[in-house]
Amino acid sequence: PPRILTLEEPVLHMDHCIAFAVHGNPAPTLHWLHNGQVLRETEIIRMEFYQQGEVSEGCLLFNKPTHYNNGNYTIVATNQLGSANQTIKGHFLEKPFPAVSGLFSFRMQYTPKLLCVDSKAFSFQVSIAVGLAAFACVLLVVLFIMINKYGRRSKFGMKG
């Protein structure tokens, strides 16, 4: 049956790597779990390994992992004679905004509700703001032209 020889914490080389070595004859099939759920390989997370005799060695590679990738990673090796698994904790980044206690955290809970706006109401508000800005620009241009045209005339016809 398969036997997991090594499973190491993530290390940064070119990518972050959880190194492993599995022994088994016949060669076991390998798959990973992340927090108990089957881990799908993507562009960001992939497994690379090579078979040397009865030993499979490789890495679970992470390309620029974030705090969403933190958690427990379990390697599962299975062949016709049985299965073996081993878990390791992977910690890559801290959450960017940790929870804050007190009044501020109470306000933070309700912030998303305040930011949710109906799209029709939002577009109406934007069109009102753009219209007011355009009106202000036209008014300033007209005032500038009038000041330049009539502001140079001296009072009482006197030349300075």
Protein backbone atom coordinates (compact mmCIF):
# COMPACT_ATOMS: atom_id res chain seq x y z
CA PRO A 1 0.00 0.00 0.00
CA PRO A 2 1.12 3.63 -0.40
CA ARG A 3 3.09 5.34 2.32
CA ILE A 4 3.75 9.06 2.57
CA LEU A 5 7.46 9.53 3.22
CA THR A 6 7.63 13.33 3.53
CA LEU A 7 5.27 16.28 3.47
CA GLU A 8 6.83 19.70 4.09
CA GLU A 9 5.42 23.12 4.87
CA PRO A 10 5.23 25.60 1.97
CA VAL A 11 8.56 27.08 0.92
CA LEU A 12 9.08 29.89 -1.62
CA HIS A 13 11.36 29.00 -4.54
CA MET A 14 10.14 30.29 -7.91
CA ASP A 15 6.61 29.48 -6.70
CA HIS A 16 5.46 28.40 -3.25
CA CYS A 17 5.94 24.63 -2.97
CA ILE A 18 4.55 22.00 -0.62
CA ALA A 19 7.09 19.24 -1.21
CA PHE A 20 6.09 15.59 -0.84
CA ALA A 21 7.40 12.08 -1.39
CA VAL A 22 5.15 9.01 -1.60
CA HIS A 23 6.19 5.35 -1.77
CA GLY A 24 3.94 2.70 -3.28
CA ASN A 25 3.93 -0.36 -5.53
CA PRO A 26 1.93 -0.25 -7.75
CA ALA A 27 2.39 3.51 -8.21
CA PRO A 28 -0.38 5.34 -6.32
CA THR A 29 -2.63 8.00 -7.79
CA LEU A 30 -2.30 11.31 -5.98
CA HIS A 31 -4.82 14.04 -5.29
CA TRP A 32 -5.11 16.90 -2.83
CA LEU A 33 -7.74 18.26 -0.46
CA HIS A 34 -7.93 21.86 0.76
CA ASN A 35 -9.77 22.14 4.10
CA GLY A 36 -11.44 18.80 3.40
CA GLN A 37 -12.65 19.72 -0.11
CA VAL A 38 -11.20 18.32 -3.33
CA LEU A 39 -8.59 20.74 -4.68
CA ARG A 40 -8.95 21.55 -8.37
CA GLU A 41 -5.76 22.31 -10.24
CA THR A 42 -5.75 25.74 -11.92
CA GLU A 43 -3.22 28.16 -13.37
CA ILE A 44 -2.47 29.27 -9.80
CA ILE A 45 -2.35 25.85 -8.08
CA ARG A 46 -0.88 22.80 -9.78
CA MET A 47 0.90 19.58 -8.86
CA GLU A 48 4.15 18.53 -10.46
CA PHE A 49 5.86 15.25 -9.63
CA TYR A 50 8.04 12.55 -11.12
CA GLN A 51 8.14 8.82 -10.54
CA GLN A 52 11.49 7.24 -9.64
CA GLY A 53 11.03 3.54 -9.09
CA GLU A 54 8.46 3.09 -6.34
CA VAL A 55 8.78 6.67 -5.07
CA SER A 56 6.85 9.69 -6.37
CA GLU A 57 8.43 13.04 -5.48
CA GLY A 58 7.11 16.47 -6.29
CA CYS A 59 5.48 19.70 -5.24
CA LEU A 60 2.08 21.24 -4.97
CA LEU A 61 2.91 24.62 -6.55
CA PHE A 62 1.22 27.95 -5.83
CA ASN A 63 1.74 30.93 -8.14
CA LYS A 64 1.37 34.08 -5.98
CA PRO A 65 -1.01 32.67 -3.33
CA THR A 66 -3.18 34.95 -1.18
CA HIS A 67 -4.90 34.60 2.20
CA TYR A 68 -7.66 32.64 0.45
CA ASN A 69 -5.13 29.83 -0.05
CA ASN A 70 -4.40 29.53 3.68
CA GLY A 71 -5.63 26.31 5.28
CA ASN A 72 -5.05 22.59 5.66
CA TYR A 73 -3.70 20.69 2.66
CA THR A 74 -4.08 16.91 2.61
CA ILE A 75 -2.33 14.64 0.15
CA VAL A 76 -4.20 11.40 -0.59
CA ALA A 77 -2.32 8.51 -2.20
CA THR A 78 -4.35 5.53 -3.40
CA ASN A 79 -3.55 2.25 -5.16
CA GLN A 80 -5.17 -1.19 -5.35
CA LEU A 81 -3.65 -2.20 -2.00
CA GLY A 82 -4.90 0.74 0.06
CA SER A 83 -4.58 4.45 0.65
CA ALA A 84 -2.68 6.89 2.83
CA ASN A 85 -3.13 10.56 3.60
CA GLN A 86 -1.32 13.25 5.51
CA THR A 87 -2.23 16.86 6.28
CA ILE A 88 -0.13 19.99 6.64
CA LYS A 89 -1.08 23.58 7.36
CA GLY A 90 -0.33 26.08 4.61
CA HIS A 91 -0.12 29.76 5.60
CA PHE A 92 0.75 32.25 2.85
CA LEU A 93 -0.59 35.72 3.72
CA GLU A 94 -2.51 37.44 6.51
CA LYS A 95 -6.01 38.76 5.83
CA PRO A 96 -5.66 42.35 4.59
CA PHE A 97 -8.28 43.83 6.94
CA PRO A 98 -8.34 42.08 10.31
CA ALA A 99 -11.48 42.44 12.45
CA VAL A 100 -11.51 45.54 14.64
CA SER A 101 -13.38 45.65 17.95
CA GLY A 102 -15.59 48.45 19.25
CA LEU A 103 -17.80 50.98 17.50
CA PHE A 104 -15.76 50.96 14.29
CA SER A 105 -16.35 47.24 13.75
CA PHE A 106 -20.09 47.79 14.35
CA ARG A 107 -20.12 50.34 11.52
CA MET A 108 -18.06 48.06 9.26
CA GLN A 109 -20.75 45.38 9.48
CA TYR A 110 -23.29 47.69 7.87
CA THR A 111 -21.03 49.40 5.32
CA PRO A 112 -21.79 46.95 2.47
CA LYS A 113 -25.54 47.64 2.80
CA LEU A 114 -24.90 51.37 2.50
CA LEU A 115 -22.77 50.88 -0.61
CA CYS A 116 -25.38 48.80 -2.45
CA VAL A 117 -27.22 51.18 -4.76
CA ASP A 118 -29.90 50.50 -7.36
CA SER A 119 -28.29 50.87 -10.79
CA LYS A 120 -31.13 53.06 -12.16
CA ALA A 121 -30.95 55.39 -9.17
CA PHE A 122 -27.16 55.51 -9.45
CA SER A 123 -27.23 56.37 -13.17
CA PHE A 124 -29.83 59.09 -12.46
CA GLN A 125 -27.60 60.58 -9.75
CA VAL A 126 -24.59 60.51 -12.08
CA SER A 127 -26.54 62.23 -14.87
CA ILE A 128 -27.68 64.96 -12.40
CA ALA A 129 -24.07 65.50 -11.26
CA VAL A 130 -22.78 65.68 -14.85
CA GLY A 131 -25.55 68.11 -15.82
CA LEU A 132 -24.79 70.42 -12.87
CA ALA A 133 -21.07 70.33 -13.68
CA ALA A 134 -21.75 71.20 -17.34
CA PHE A 135 -24.07 74.06 -16.31
CA ALA A 136 -21.40 75.44 -13.94
CA CYS A 137 -18.76 75.30 -16.70
CA VAL A 138 -21.00 77.15 -19.20
CA LEU A 139 -21.84 79.78 -16.57
CA LEU A 140 -18.14 80.35 -15.80
CA VAL A 141 -17.30 80.73 -19.51
CA VAL A 142 -20.11 83.27 -20.03
CA LEU A 143 -18.99 85.25 -16.94
CA PHE A 144 -15.38 85.23 -18.15
CA ILE A 145 -16.38 86.55 -21.59
CA MET A 146 -18.59 89.29 -20.10
CA ILE A 147 -15.88 90.42 -17.68
CA ASN A 148 -13.32 90.59 -20.48
CA LYS A 149 -15.67 92.50 -22.82
CA TYR A 150 -17.28 94.98 -20.43
CA GLY A 151 -14.78 95.08 -17.57
CA ARG A 152 -12.11 97.02 -19.48
CA ARG A 153 -14.30 100.09 -20.12
CA SER A 154 -13.19 102.79 -17.73
CA LYS A 155 -15.73 104.73 -15.73
CA PHE A 156 -16.72 108.25 -16.81
CA GLY A 157 -14.85 107.88 -20.11
CA MET A 158 -11.48 108.69 -18.52
CA LYS A 159 -8.36 107.11 -19.84
CA GLY A 160 -5.71 106.10 -17.38
